[in-house]
Amino acid sequence: MIGHTRLTHSHLLSKEPPPMCIYCSTLLTVEHILTNCSHYQTIRHKYYQYSDLSNIFQVIPPKFLISFIKEINLYHQF
């Protein structure tokens, strides 16, 4: 995975400003969604407890990540 998604990188093609997290007012990235966004913290903890991408992608079963992304309603935006 290279960390590029339609949600986080479509601005490059549309020549718009990069997306910002509406909850944290920080740059919206895959890492932010999977590790840092406080809005998703409770849901994130249902699926995993890691806070760094290397552990998330090495240890967490992909079905848990997909379930997390679906539950936060971002699945179709990735």
PDB file of N, CA and C in Angstrom:
ATOM      1  N   MET A   1       0.845  -1.180   0.000  1.00  0.00           N
ATOM      2  CA  MET A   1       0.000   0.000   0.000  1.00  0.00           C
ATOM      3  C   MET A   1       0.890   1.244   0.000  1.00  0.00           C
ATOM      4  N   ILE A   2       0.546   2.204  -0.827  1.00  0.00           N
ATOM      5  CA  ILE A   2       1.356   3.409  -0.898  1.00  0.00           C
ATOM      6  C   ILE A   2       0.695   4.603  -0.228  1.00  0.00           C
ATOM      7  N   GLY A   3      -0.513   4.406   0.313  1.00  0.00           N
ATOM      8  CA  GLY A   3      -1.158   5.481   1.051  1.00  0.00           C
ATOM      9  C   GLY A   3      -1.933   6.467   0.201  1.00  0.00           C
ATOM     10  N   HIS A   4      -2.148   6.132  -1.072  1.00  0.00           N
ATOM     11  CA  HIS A   4      -2.920   7.012  -1.940  1.00  0.00           C
ATOM     12  C   HIS A   4      -4.329   6.464  -2.094  1.00  0.00           C
ATOM     13  N   THR A   5      -5.300   7.311  -1.851  1.00  0.00           N
ATOM     14  CA  THR A   5      -6.693   6.928  -2.032  1.00  0.00           C
ATOM     15  C   THR A   5      -7.406   8.066  -2.750  1.00  0.00           C
ATOM     16  N   ARG A   6      -8.545   7.760  -3.281  1.00  0.00           N
ATOM     17  CA  ARG A   6      -9.360   8.799  -3.927  1.00  0.00           C
ATOM     18  C   ARG A   6      -9.680   9.903  -2.917  1.00  0.00           C
ATOM     19  N   LEU A   7      -9.999   9.518  -1.692  1.00  0.00           N
ATOM     20  CA  LEU A   7     -10.346  10.483  -0.655  1.00  0.00           C
ATOM     21  C   LEU A   7      -9.203  11.436  -0.338  1.00  0.00           C
ATOM     22  N   THR A   8      -8.000  10.912  -0.249  1.00  0.00           N
ATOM     23  CA  THR A   8      -6.873  11.727   0.202  1.00  0.00           C
ATOM     24  C   THR A   8      -6.044  12.342  -0.918  1.00  0.00           C
ATOM     25  N   HIS A   9      -6.198  11.847  -2.149  1.00  0.00           N
ATOM     26  CA  HIS A   9      -5.329  12.338  -3.224  1.00  0.00           C
ATOM     27  C   HIS A   9      -6.040  12.809  -4.493  1.00  0.00           C
ATOM     28  N   SER A  10      -7.361  12.798  -4.525  1.00  0.00           N
ATOM     29  CA  SER A  10      -8.062  13.236  -5.734  1.00  0.00           C
ATOM     30  C   SER A  10      -7.821  14.719  -6.016  1.00  0.00           C
ATOM     31  N   HIS A  11      -7.433  15.461  -5.006  1.00  0.00           N
ATOM     32  CA  HIS A  11      -7.168  16.894  -5.200  1.00  0.00           C
ATOM     33  C   HIS A  11      -6.024  17.132  -6.191  1.00  0.00           C
ATOM     34  N   LEU A  12      -5.130  16.161  -6.332  1.00  0.00           N
ATOM     35  CA  LEU A  12      -4.012  16.320  -7.261  1.00  0.00           C
ATOM     36  C   LEU A  12      -4.493  16.397  -8.708  1.00  0.00           C
ATOM     37  N   LEU A  13      -5.532  15.642  -9.029  1.00  0.00           N
ATOM     38  CA  LEU A  13      -6.075  15.657 -10.382  1.00  0.00           C
ATOM     39  C   LEU A  13      -7.026  16.829 -10.608  1.00  0.00           C
ATOM     40  N   SER A  14      -7.730  17.214  -9.565  1.00  0.00           N
ATOM     41  CA  SER A  14      -8.718  18.289  -9.704  1.00  0.00           C
ATOM     42  C   SER A  14      -8.127  19.668  -9.460  1.00  0.00           C
ATOM     43  N   LYS A  15      -6.847  19.700  -9.081  1.00  0.00           N
ATOM     44  CA  LYS A  15      -6.135  20.953  -8.809  1.00  0.00           C
ATOM     45  C   LYS A  15      -6.823  21.784  -7.712  1.00  0.00           C
ATOM     46  N   GLU A  16      -7.333  21.091  -6.724  1.00  0.00           N
ATOM     47  CA  GLU A  16      -7.941  21.724  -5.560  1.00  0.00           C
ATOM     48  C   GLU A  16      -6.978  21.617  -4.386  1.00  0.00           C
ATOM     49  N   PRO A  17      -7.239  22.352  -3.319  1.00  0.00           N
ATOM     50  CA  PRO A  17      -6.390  22.222  -2.123  1.00  0.00           C
ATOM     51  C   PRO A  17      -6.533  20.817  -1.524  1.00  0.00           C
ATOM     52  N   PRO A  18      -5.519  20.344  -0.830  1.00  0.00           N
ATOM     53  CA  PRO A  18      -5.619  19.019  -0.201  1.00  0.00           C
ATOM     54  C   PRO A  18      -6.750  19.005   0.824  1.00  0.00           C
ATOM     55  N   PRO A  19      -7.387  17.857   1.004  1.00  0.00           N
ATOM     56  CA  PRO A  19      -8.497  17.773   1.954  1.00  0.00           C
ATOM     57  C   PRO A  19      -8.008  17.887   3.398  1.00  0.00           C
ATOM     58  N   MET A  20      -8.853  18.462   4.207  1.00  0.00           N
ATOM     59  CA  MET A  20      -8.574  18.600   5.629  1.00  0.00           C
ATOM     60  C   MET A  20      -9.589  17.767   6.411  1.00  0.00           C
ATOM     61  N   CYS A  21      -9.158  17.233   7.533  1.00  0.00           N
ATOM     62  CA  CYS A  21     -10.060  16.493   8.409  1.00  0.00           C
ATOM     63  C   CYS A  21     -11.049  17.480   9.015  1.00  0.00           C
ATOM     64  N   ILE A  22     -12.322  17.208   8.851  1.00  0.00           N
ATOM     65  CA  ILE A  22     -13.331  18.143   9.364  1.00  0.00           C
ATOM     66  C   ILE A  22     -13.421  18.110  10.887  1.00  0.00           C
ATOM     67  N   TYR A  23     -12.854  17.085  11.501  1.00  0.00           N
ATOM     68  CA  TYR A  23     -12.899  16.964  12.949  1.00  0.00           C
ATOM     69  C   TYR A  23     -11.660  17.530  13.628  1.00  0.00           C
ATOM     70  N   CYS A  24     -10.514  17.419  12.974  1.00  0.00           N
ATOM     71  CA  CYS A  24      -9.242  17.795  13.598  1.00  0.00           C
ATOM     72  C   CYS A  24      -8.576  19.009  12.958  1.00  0.00           C
ATOM     73  N   SER A  25      -9.088  19.450  11.828  1.00  0.00           N
ATOM     74  CA  SER A  25      -8.502  20.570  11.080  1.00  0.00           C
ATOM     75  C   SER A  25      -7.033  20.341  10.754  1.00  0.00           C
ATOM     76  N   THR A  26      -6.736  19.112  10.373  1.00  0.00           N
ATOM     77  CA  THR A  26      -5.388  18.753   9.946  1.00  0.00           C
ATOM     78  C   THR A  26      -5.486  18.089   8.580  1.00  0.00           C
ATOM     79  N   LEU A  27      -4.368  17.931   7.906  1.00  0.00           N
ATOM     80  CA  LEU A  27      -4.347  17.305   6.594  1.00  0.00           C
ATOM     81  C   LEU A  27      -4.944  15.898   6.680  1.00  0.00           C
ATOM     82  N   LEU A  28      -5.851  15.602   5.778  1.00  0.00           N
ATOM     83  CA  LEU A  28      -6.498  14.294   5.760  1.00  0.00           C
ATOM     84  C   LEU A  28      -5.611  13.307   5.010  1.00  0.00           C
ATOM     85  N   THR A  29      -5.104  12.335   5.731  1.00  0.00           N
ATOM     86  CA  THR A  29      -4.246  11.302   5.157  1.00  0.00           C
ATOM     87  C   THR A  29      -4.735   9.937   5.622  1.00  0.00           C
ATOM     88  N   VAL A  30      -4.279   8.903   4.959  1.00  0.00           N
ATOM     89  CA  VAL A  30      -4.592   7.547   5.388  1.00  0.00           C
ATOM     90  C   VAL A  30      -4.073   7.333   6.807  1.00  0.00           C
ATOM     91  N   GLU A  31      -2.874   7.791   7.064  1.00  0.00           N
ATOM     92  CA  GLU A  31      -2.306   7.641   8.409  1.00  0.00           C
ATOM     93  C   GLU A  31      -3.167   8.345   9.460  1.00  0.00           C
ATOM     94  N   HIS A  32      -3.617   9.547   9.155  1.00  0.00           N
ATOM     95  CA  HIS A  32      -4.455  10.275  10.116  1.00  0.00           C
ATOM     96  C   HIS A  32      -5.731   9.491  10.419  1.00  0.00           C
ATOM     97  N   ILE A  33      -6.374   8.979   9.390  1.00  0.00           N
ATOM     98  CA  ILE A  33      -7.620   8.235   9.577  1.00  0.00           C
ATOM     99  C   ILE A  33      -7.375   6.963  10.390  1.00  0.00           C
ATOM    100  N   LEU A  34      -6.332   6.231  10.050  1.00  0.00           N
ATOM    101  CA  LEU A  34      -6.085   4.939  10.696  1.00  0.00           C
ATOM    102  C   LEU A  34      -5.433   5.043  12.067  1.00  0.00           C
ATOM    103  N   THR A  35      -4.795   6.168  12.375  1.00  0.00           N
ATOM    104  CA  THR A  35      -4.053   6.229  13.643  1.00  0.00           C
ATOM    105  C   THR A  35      -4.406   7.400  14.547  1.00  0.00           C
ATOM    106  N   ASN A  36      -4.716   8.566  14.005  1.00  0.00           N
ATOM    107  CA  ASN A  36      -4.747   9.764  14.835  1.00  0.00           C
ATOM    108  C   ASN A  36      -6.091  10.440  15.042  1.00  0.00           C
ATOM    109  N   CYS A  37      -6.994  10.317  14.103  1.00  0.00           N
ATOM    110  CA  CYS A  37      -8.220  11.106  14.185  1.00  0.00           C
ATOM    111  C   CYS A  37      -8.998  10.766  15.455  1.00  0.00           C
ATOM    112  N   SER A  38      -9.150  11.742  16.308  1.00  0.00           N
ATOM    113  CA  SER A  38      -9.827  11.514  17.586  1.00  0.00           C
ATOM    114  C   SER A  38     -11.307  11.185  17.404  1.00  0.00           C
ATOM    115  N   HIS A  39     -11.884  11.640  16.318  1.00  0.00           N
ATOM    116  CA  HIS A  39     -13.303  11.363  16.068  1.00  0.00           C
ATOM    117  C   HIS A  39     -13.558   9.869  15.890  1.00  0.00           C
ATOM    118  N   TYR A  40     -12.592   9.146  15.352  1.00  0.00           N
ATOM    119  CA  TYR A  40     -12.761   7.722  15.088  1.00  0.00           C
ATOM    120  C   TYR A  40     -12.143   6.833  16.168  1.00  0.00           C
ATOM    121  N   GLN A  41     -11.677   7.404  17.237  1.00  0.00           N
ATOM    122  CA  GLN A  41     -10.938   6.657  18.248  1.00  0.00           C
ATOM    123  C   GLN A  41     -11.734   5.492  18.836  1.00  0.00           C
ATOM    124  N   THR A  42     -12.961   5.711  19.220  1.00  0.00           N
ATOM    125  CA  THR A  42     -13.765   4.648  19.833  1.00  0.00           C
ATOM    126  C   THR A  42     -13.985   3.499  18.857  1.00  0.00           C
ATOM    127  N   ILE A  43     -14.322   3.831  17.629  1.00  0.00           N
ATOM    128  CA  ILE A  43     -14.542   2.791  16.617  1.00  0.00           C
ATOM    129  C   ILE A  43     -13.226   2.081  16.314  1.00  0.00           C
ATOM    130  N   ARG A  44     -12.156   2.839  16.189  1.00  0.00           N
ATOM    131  CA  ARG A  44     -10.835   2.264  15.896  1.00  0.00           C
ATOM    132  C   ARG A  44     -10.464   1.223  16.945  1.00  0.00           C
ATOM    133  N   HIS A  45     -10.729   1.511  18.209  1.00  0.00           N
ATOM    134  CA  HIS A  45     -10.352   0.603  19.297  1.00  0.00           C
ATOM    135  C   HIS A  45     -11.156  -0.693  19.289  1.00  0.00           C
ATOM    136  N   LYS A  46     -12.283  -0.705  18.605  1.00  0.00           N
ATOM    137  CA  LYS A  46     -13.037  -1.951  18.443  1.00  0.00           C
ATOM    138  C   LYS A  46     -12.275  -2.930  17.561  1.00  0.00           C
ATOM    139  N   TYR A  47     -11.474  -2.411  16.650  1.00  0.00           N
ATOM    140  CA  TYR A  47     -10.812  -3.247  15.652  1.00  0.00           C
ATOM    141  C   TYR A  47      -9.320  -3.438  15.890  1.00  0.00           C
ATOM    142  N   TYR A  48      -8.673  -2.451  16.480  1.00  0.00           N
ATOM    143  CA  TYR A  48      -7.235  -2.559  16.761  1.00  0.00           C
ATOM    144  C   TYR A  48      -6.801  -1.475  17.728  1.00  0.00           C
ATOM    145  N   GLN A  49      -5.643  -1.708  18.373  1.00  0.00           N
ATOM    146  CA  GLN A  49      -5.119  -0.790  19.380  1.00  0.00           C
ATOM    147  C   GLN A  49      -3.815  -0.120  18.953  1.00  0.00           C
ATOM    148  N   TYR A  50      -3.291  -0.480  17.802  1.00  0.00           N
ATOM    149  CA  TYR A  50      -2.005   0.059  17.366  1.00  0.00           C
ATOM    150  C   TYR A  50      -2.146   1.490  16.875  1.00  0.00           C
ATOM    151  N   SER A  51      -1.062   2.255  17.046  1.00  0.00           N
ATOM    152  CA  SER A  51      -1.104   3.659  16.616  1.00  0.00           C
ATOM    153  C   SER A  51      -0.023   3.990  15.601  1.00  0.00           C
ATOM    154  N   ASP A  52       0.619   2.978  15.046  1.00  0.00           N
ATOM    155  CA  ASP A  52       1.590   3.252  13.984  1.00  0.00           C
ATOM    156  C   ASP A  52       1.277   2.346  12.797  1.00  0.00           C
ATOM    157  N   LEU A  53       1.470   2.888  11.614  1.00  0.00           N
ATOM    158  CA  LEU A  53       1.085   2.177  10.393  1.00  0.00           C
ATOM    159  C   LEU A  53       1.815   0.860  10.197  1.00  0.00           C
ATOM    160  N   SER A  54       3.069   0.795  10.561  1.00  0.00           N
ATOM    161  CA  SER A  54       3.803  -0.450  10.335  1.00  0.00           C
ATOM    162  C   SER A  54       3.163  -1.604  11.104  1.00  0.00           C
ATOM    163  N   ASN A  55       2.790  -1.387  12.352  1.00  0.00           N
ATOM    164  CA  ASN A  55       2.123  -2.441  13.116  1.00  0.00           C
ATOM    165  C   ASN A  55       0.734  -2.723  12.565  1.00  0.00           C
ATOM    166  N   ILE A  56       0.036  -1.697  12.192  1.00  0.00           N
ATOM    167  CA  ILE A  56      -1.316  -1.887  11.674  1.00  0.00           C
ATOM    168  C   ILE A  56      -1.295  -2.792  10.453  1.00  0.00           C
ATOM    169  N   PHE A  57      -0.390  -2.531   9.509  1.00  0.00           N
ATOM    170  CA  PHE A  57      -0.368  -3.317   8.283  1.00  0.00           C
ATOM    171  C   PHE A  57       0.344  -4.656   8.430  1.00  0.00           C
ATOM    172  N   GLN A  58       1.142  -4.825   9.463  1.00  0.00           N
ATOM    173  CA  GLN A  58       1.835  -6.098   9.666  1.00  0.00           C
ATOM    174  C   GLN A  58       1.070  -7.049  10.580  1.00  0.00           C
ATOM    175  N   VAL A  59       0.306  -6.507  11.517  1.00  0.00           N
ATOM    176  CA  VAL A  59      -0.299  -7.335  12.553  1.00  0.00           C
ATOM    177  C   VAL A  59      -1.822  -7.473  12.409  1.00  0.00           C
ATOM    178  N   ILE A  60      -2.491  -6.429  12.023  1.00  0.00           N
ATOM    179  CA  ILE A  60      -3.951  -6.419  11.988  1.00  0.00           C
ATOM    180  C   ILE A  60      -4.449  -7.141  10.732  1.00  0.00           C
ATOM    181  N   PRO A  61      -5.363  -8.072  10.888  1.00  0.00           N
ATOM    182  CA  PRO A  61      -5.927  -8.732   9.707  1.00  0.00           C
ATOM    183  C   PRO A  61      -6.645  -7.708   8.816  1.00  0.00           C
ATOM    184  N   PRO A  62      -6.461  -7.814   7.515  1.00  0.00           N
ATOM    185  CA  PRO A  62      -7.092  -6.849   6.602  1.00  0.00           C
ATOM    186  C   PRO A  62      -8.605  -6.716   6.795  1.00  0.00           C
ATOM    187  N   LYS A  63      -9.280  -7.803   7.165  1.00  0.00           N
ATOM    188  CA  LYS A  63     -10.728  -7.718   7.344  1.00  0.00           C
ATOM    189  C   LYS A  63     -11.095  -6.749   8.478  1.00  0.00           C
ATOM    190  N   PHE A  64     -10.238  -6.599   9.483  1.00  0.00           N
ATOM    191  CA  PHE A  64     -10.498  -5.637  10.555  1.00  0.00           C
ATOM    192  C   PHE A  64     -10.365  -4.206  10.049  1.00  0.00           C
ATOM    193  N   LEU A  65      -9.360  -3.966   9.212  1.00  0.00           N
ATOM    194  CA  LEU A  65      -9.187  -2.629   8.651  1.00  0.00           C
ATOM    195  C   LEU A  65     -10.363  -2.268   7.752  1.00  0.00           C
ATOM    196  N   ILE A  66     -10.787  -3.225   6.948  1.00  0.00           N
ATOM    197  CA  ILE A  66     -11.925  -2.974   6.062  1.00  0.00           C
ATOM    198  C   ILE A  66     -13.187  -2.727   6.878  1.00  0.00           C
ATOM    199  N   SER A  67     -13.391  -3.481   7.922  1.00  0.00           N
ATOM    200  CA  SER A  67     -14.561  -3.284   8.786  1.00  0.00           C
ATOM    201  C   SER A  67     -14.524  -1.902   9.441  1.00  0.00           C
ATOM    202  N   PHE A  68     -13.359  -1.495   9.887  1.00  0.00           N
ATOM    203  CA  PHE A  68     -13.211  -0.159  10.477  1.00  0.00           C
ATOM    204  C   PHE A  68     -13.567   0.916   9.459  1.00  0.00           C
ATOM    205  N   ILE A  69     -13.012   0.813   8.264  1.00  0.00           N
ATOM    206  CA  ILE A  69     -13.261   1.817   7.226  1.00  0.00           C
ATOM    207  C   ILE A  69     -14.736   1.840   6.833  1.00  0.00           C
ATOM    208  N   LYS A  70     -15.360   0.684   6.810  1.00  0.00           N
ATOM    209  CA  LYS A  70     -16.799   0.640   6.516  1.00  0.00           C
ATOM    210  C   LYS A  70     -17.607   1.288   7.630  1.00  0.00           C
ATOM    211  N   GLU A  71     -17.251   0.999   8.864  1.00  0.00           N
ATOM    212  CA  GLU A  71     -18.020   1.544   9.992  1.00  0.00           C
ATOM    213  C   GLU A  71     -17.921   3.052  10.095  1.00  0.00           C
ATOM    214  N   ILE A  72     -16.796   3.623   9.679  1.00  0.00           N
ATOM    215  CA  ILE A  72     -16.670   5.087   9.732  1.00  0.00           C
ATOM    216  C   ILE A  72     -17.180   5.739   8.439  1.00  0.00           C
ATOM    217  N   ASN A  73     -17.793   4.925   7.597  1.00  0.00           N
ATOM    218  CA  ASN A  73     -18.437   5.403   6.360  1.00  0.00           C
ATOM    219  C   ASN A  73     -17.476   6.029   5.361  1.00  0.00           C
ATOM    220  N   LEU A  74     -16.279   5.492   5.273  1.00  0.00           N
ATOM    221  CA  LEU A  74     -15.324   5.982   4.287  1.00  0.00           C
ATOM    222  C   LEU A  74     -14.974   4.934   3.231  1.00  0.00           C
ATOM    223  N   TYR A  75     -15.537   3.764   3.342  1.00  0.00           N
ATOM    224  CA  TYR A  75     -15.180   2.664   2.444  1.00  0.00           C
ATOM    225  C   TYR A  75     -15.321   3.043   0.970  1.00  0.00           C
ATOM    226  N   HIS A  76     -16.416   3.647   0.602  1.00  0.00           N
ATOM    227  CA  HIS A  76     -16.650   3.986  -0.805  1.00  0.00           C
ATOM    228  C   HIS A  76     -15.881   5.225  -1.249  1.00  0.00           C
ATOM    229  N   GLN A  77     -15.228   5.885  -0.335  1.00  0.00           N
ATOM    230  CA  GLN A  77     -14.422   7.057  -0.698  1.00  0.00           C
ATOM    231  C   GLN A  77     -12.950   6.702  -0.858  1.00  0.00           C
ATOM    232  N   PHE A  78     -12.576   5.504  -0.430  1.00  0.00           N
ATOM    233  CA  PHE A  78     -11.191   5.076  -0.560  1.00  0.00           C
ATOM    234  C   PHE A  78     -10.987   4.564  -1.955  1.00  0.00           C
TER     235      PHE A  78
END
